[in-house]
Amino acid sequence: MDLRDARPVITLAHVAQAARLIDDLHKLFDFNEMAIDPDTLTATFAPSARKDYADLHGQVIHHPRNGPDASDFRLRWKAFGR
C-alpha cells in the first residue's frame, strides 16, 4: 500500500464545516456565551450553549504563537463569571 493512500482526505466540505464552527465560536464569544480561562486556556460555555458544544466544553484550546496574548482573555473571563 502506498502511504499516500493512507493519508486523510480533506474535502471542501471539511473546510466549510471548520469555517462555520470558527464563525459560531466567535459569535458565542462576542455574545458572552463562551469564554476562555486565561490561566488554563480552557474553553467554557454558558449553560445555554453547552448542549451544542459539549464536546468542546472544558477543552484546552490550541493557542498559536501569533495569536492573542492569553491575558487578552482575562476581561472576557471576568465578565463571563463562571
C-alpha atoms as a PDB file:
ATOM      1  CA  MET A   1       0.000   0.000   0.000  1.00  0.00           C
ATOM      2  CA  ASP A   2       1.273   3.418  -0.907  1.00  0.00           C
ATOM      3  CA  LEU A   3       1.465   5.772   2.108  1.00  0.00           C
ATOM      4  CA  ARG A   4      -0.281   8.437   0.069  1.00  0.00           C
ATOM      5  CA  ASP A   5      -3.354   6.198   0.025  1.00  0.00           C
ATOM      6  CA  ALA A   6      -3.447   6.210   3.843  1.00  0.00           C
ATOM      7  CA  ARG A   7      -3.374   9.965   4.317  1.00  0.00           C
ATOM      8  CA  PRO A   8      -6.594  11.650   5.403  1.00  0.00           C
ATOM      9  CA  VAL A   9      -8.596  13.296   2.681  1.00  0.00           C
ATOM     10  CA  ILE A  10      -9.600  16.870   3.439  1.00  0.00           C
ATOM     11  CA  THR A  11     -12.521  17.916   1.324  1.00  0.00           C
ATOM     12  CA  LEU A  12     -14.079  21.273   0.684  1.00  0.00           C
ATOM     13  CA  ALA A  13     -16.937  20.145   2.933  1.00  0.00           C
ATOM     14  CA  HIS A  14     -14.475  19.671   5.832  1.00  0.00           C
ATOM     15  CA  VAL A  15     -13.059  23.142   5.270  1.00  0.00           C
ATOM     16  CA  ALA A  16     -16.539  24.684   5.105  1.00  0.00           C
ATOM     17  CA  GLN A  17     -17.588  22.871   8.286  1.00  0.00           C
ATOM     18  CA  ALA A  18     -14.487  24.142  10.115  1.00  0.00           C
ATOM     19  CA  ALA A  19     -15.126  27.685   8.891  1.00  0.00           C
ATOM     20  CA  ARG A  20     -18.726  27.543  10.196  1.00  0.00           C
ATOM     21  CA  LEU A  21     -17.501  26.259  13.554  1.00  0.00           C
ATOM     22  CA  ILE A  22     -14.957  29.059  13.846  1.00  0.00           C
ATOM     23  CA  ASP A  23     -17.647  31.612  12.963  1.00  0.00           C
ATOM     24  CA  ASP A  24     -20.012  30.084  15.544  1.00  0.00           C
ATOM     25  CA  LEU A  25     -17.347  30.166  18.254  1.00  0.00           C
ATOM     26  CA  HIS A  26     -16.564  33.820  17.543  1.00  0.00           C
ATOM     27  CA  LYS A  27     -20.260  34.680  17.845  1.00  0.00           C
ATOM     28  CA  LEU A  28     -20.569  32.779  21.125  1.00  0.00           C
ATOM     29  CA  PHE A  29     -17.512  34.624  22.436  1.00  0.00           C
ATOM     30  CA  ASP A  30     -18.900  38.003  21.286  1.00  0.00           C
ATOM     31  CA  PHE A  31     -22.265  37.334  22.967  1.00  0.00           C
ATOM     32  CA  ASN A  32     -20.628  36.174  26.203  1.00  0.00           C
ATOM     33  CA  GLU A  33     -21.822  32.579  25.726  1.00  0.00           C
ATOM     34  CA  MET A  34     -18.256  31.291  25.702  1.00  0.00           C
ATOM     35  CA  ALA A  35     -15.057  32.327  27.418  1.00  0.00           C
ATOM     36  CA  ILE A  36     -11.505  31.108  27.662  1.00  0.00           C
ATOM     37  CA  ASP A  37      -9.874  30.822  31.071  1.00  0.00           C
ATOM     38  CA  PRO A  38      -6.753  32.985  30.694  1.00  0.00           C
ATOM     39  CA  ASP A  39      -4.795  30.852  33.169  1.00  0.00           C
ATOM     40  CA  THR A  40      -5.560  27.390  31.786  1.00  0.00           C
ATOM     41  CA  LEU A  41      -6.708  28.266  28.222  1.00  0.00           C
ATOM     42  CA  THR A  42      -9.751  26.070  28.810  1.00  0.00           C
ATOM     43  CA  ALA A  43     -12.883  26.783  26.772  1.00  0.00           C
ATOM     44  CA  THR A  44     -16.011  27.213  28.892  1.00  0.00           C
ATOM     45  CA  PHE A  45     -19.527  27.552  27.531  1.00  0.00           C
ATOM     46  CA  ALA A  46     -22.599  29.060  29.127  1.00  0.00           C
ATOM     47  CA  PRO A  47     -25.273  26.507  30.080  1.00  0.00           C
ATOM     48  CA  SER A  48     -27.372  27.639  27.108  1.00  0.00           C
ATOM     49  CA  ALA A  49     -24.578  26.655  24.692  1.00  0.00           C
ATOM     50  CA  ARG A  50     -23.251  23.516  26.410  1.00  0.00           C
ATOM     51  CA  LYS A  51     -25.715  21.158  24.759  1.00  0.00           C
ATOM     52  CA  ASP A  52     -24.468  22.061  21.288  1.00  0.00           C
ATOM     53  CA  TYR A  53     -20.804  22.368  22.255  1.00  0.00           C
ATOM     54  CA  ALA A  54     -20.466  19.692  24.940  1.00  0.00           C
ATOM     55  CA  ASP A  55     -17.522  18.109  23.142  1.00  0.00           C
ATOM     56  CA  LEU A  56     -15.593  21.401  23.316  1.00  0.00           C
ATOM     57  CA  HIS A  57     -16.598  22.459  26.839  1.00  0.00           C
ATOM     58  CA  GLY A  58     -13.607  22.086  29.163  1.00  0.00           C
ATOM     59  CA  GLN A  59     -11.122  21.503  26.359  1.00  0.00           C
ATOM     60  CA  VAL A  60      -7.788  23.315  26.310  1.00  0.00           C
ATOM     61  CA  ILE A  61      -7.569  25.452  23.195  1.00  0.00           C
ATOM     62  CA  HIS A  62      -4.688  25.433  20.748  1.00  0.00           C
ATOM     63  CA  HIS A  63      -3.041  28.821  21.180  1.00  0.00           C
ATOM     64  CA  PRO A  64      -0.857  29.764  18.205  1.00  0.00           C
ATOM     65  CA  ARG A  65       2.274  31.776  18.871  1.00  0.00           C
ATOM     66  CA  ASN A  66       0.992  34.632  16.733  1.00  0.00           C
ATOM     67  CA  GLY A  67      -2.476  34.562  18.359  1.00  0.00           C
ATOM     68  CA  PRO A  68      -3.765  36.921  21.021  1.00  0.00           C
ATOM     69  CA  ASP A  69      -1.944  37.079  24.316  1.00  0.00           C
ATOM     70  CA  ALA A  70      -3.610  34.814  26.878  1.00  0.00           C
ATOM     71  CA  SER A  71      -4.063  37.829  29.163  1.00  0.00           C
ATOM     72  CA  ASP A  72      -6.360  39.307  26.482  1.00  0.00           C
ATOM     73  CA  PHE A  73      -8.934  36.714  27.558  1.00  0.00           C
ATOM     74  CA  ARG A  74      -8.937  37.965  31.156  1.00  0.00           C
ATOM     75  CA  LEU A  75     -11.511  40.766  30.756  1.00  0.00           C
ATOM     76  CA  ARG A  76     -13.958  38.471  28.945  1.00  0.00           C
ATOM     77  CA  TRP A  77     -13.376  35.761  31.552  1.00  0.00           C
ATOM     78  CA  LYS A  78     -14.282  38.165  34.357  1.00  0.00           C
ATOM     79  CA  ALA A  79     -17.434  39.274  32.523  1.00  0.00           C
ATOM     80  CA  PHE A  80     -18.335  35.645  31.847  1.00  0.00           C
ATOM     81  CA  GLY A  81     -18.173  34.991  35.590  1.00  0.00           C
ATOM     82  CA  ARG A  82     -18.332  31.200  35.553  1.00  0.00           C
END
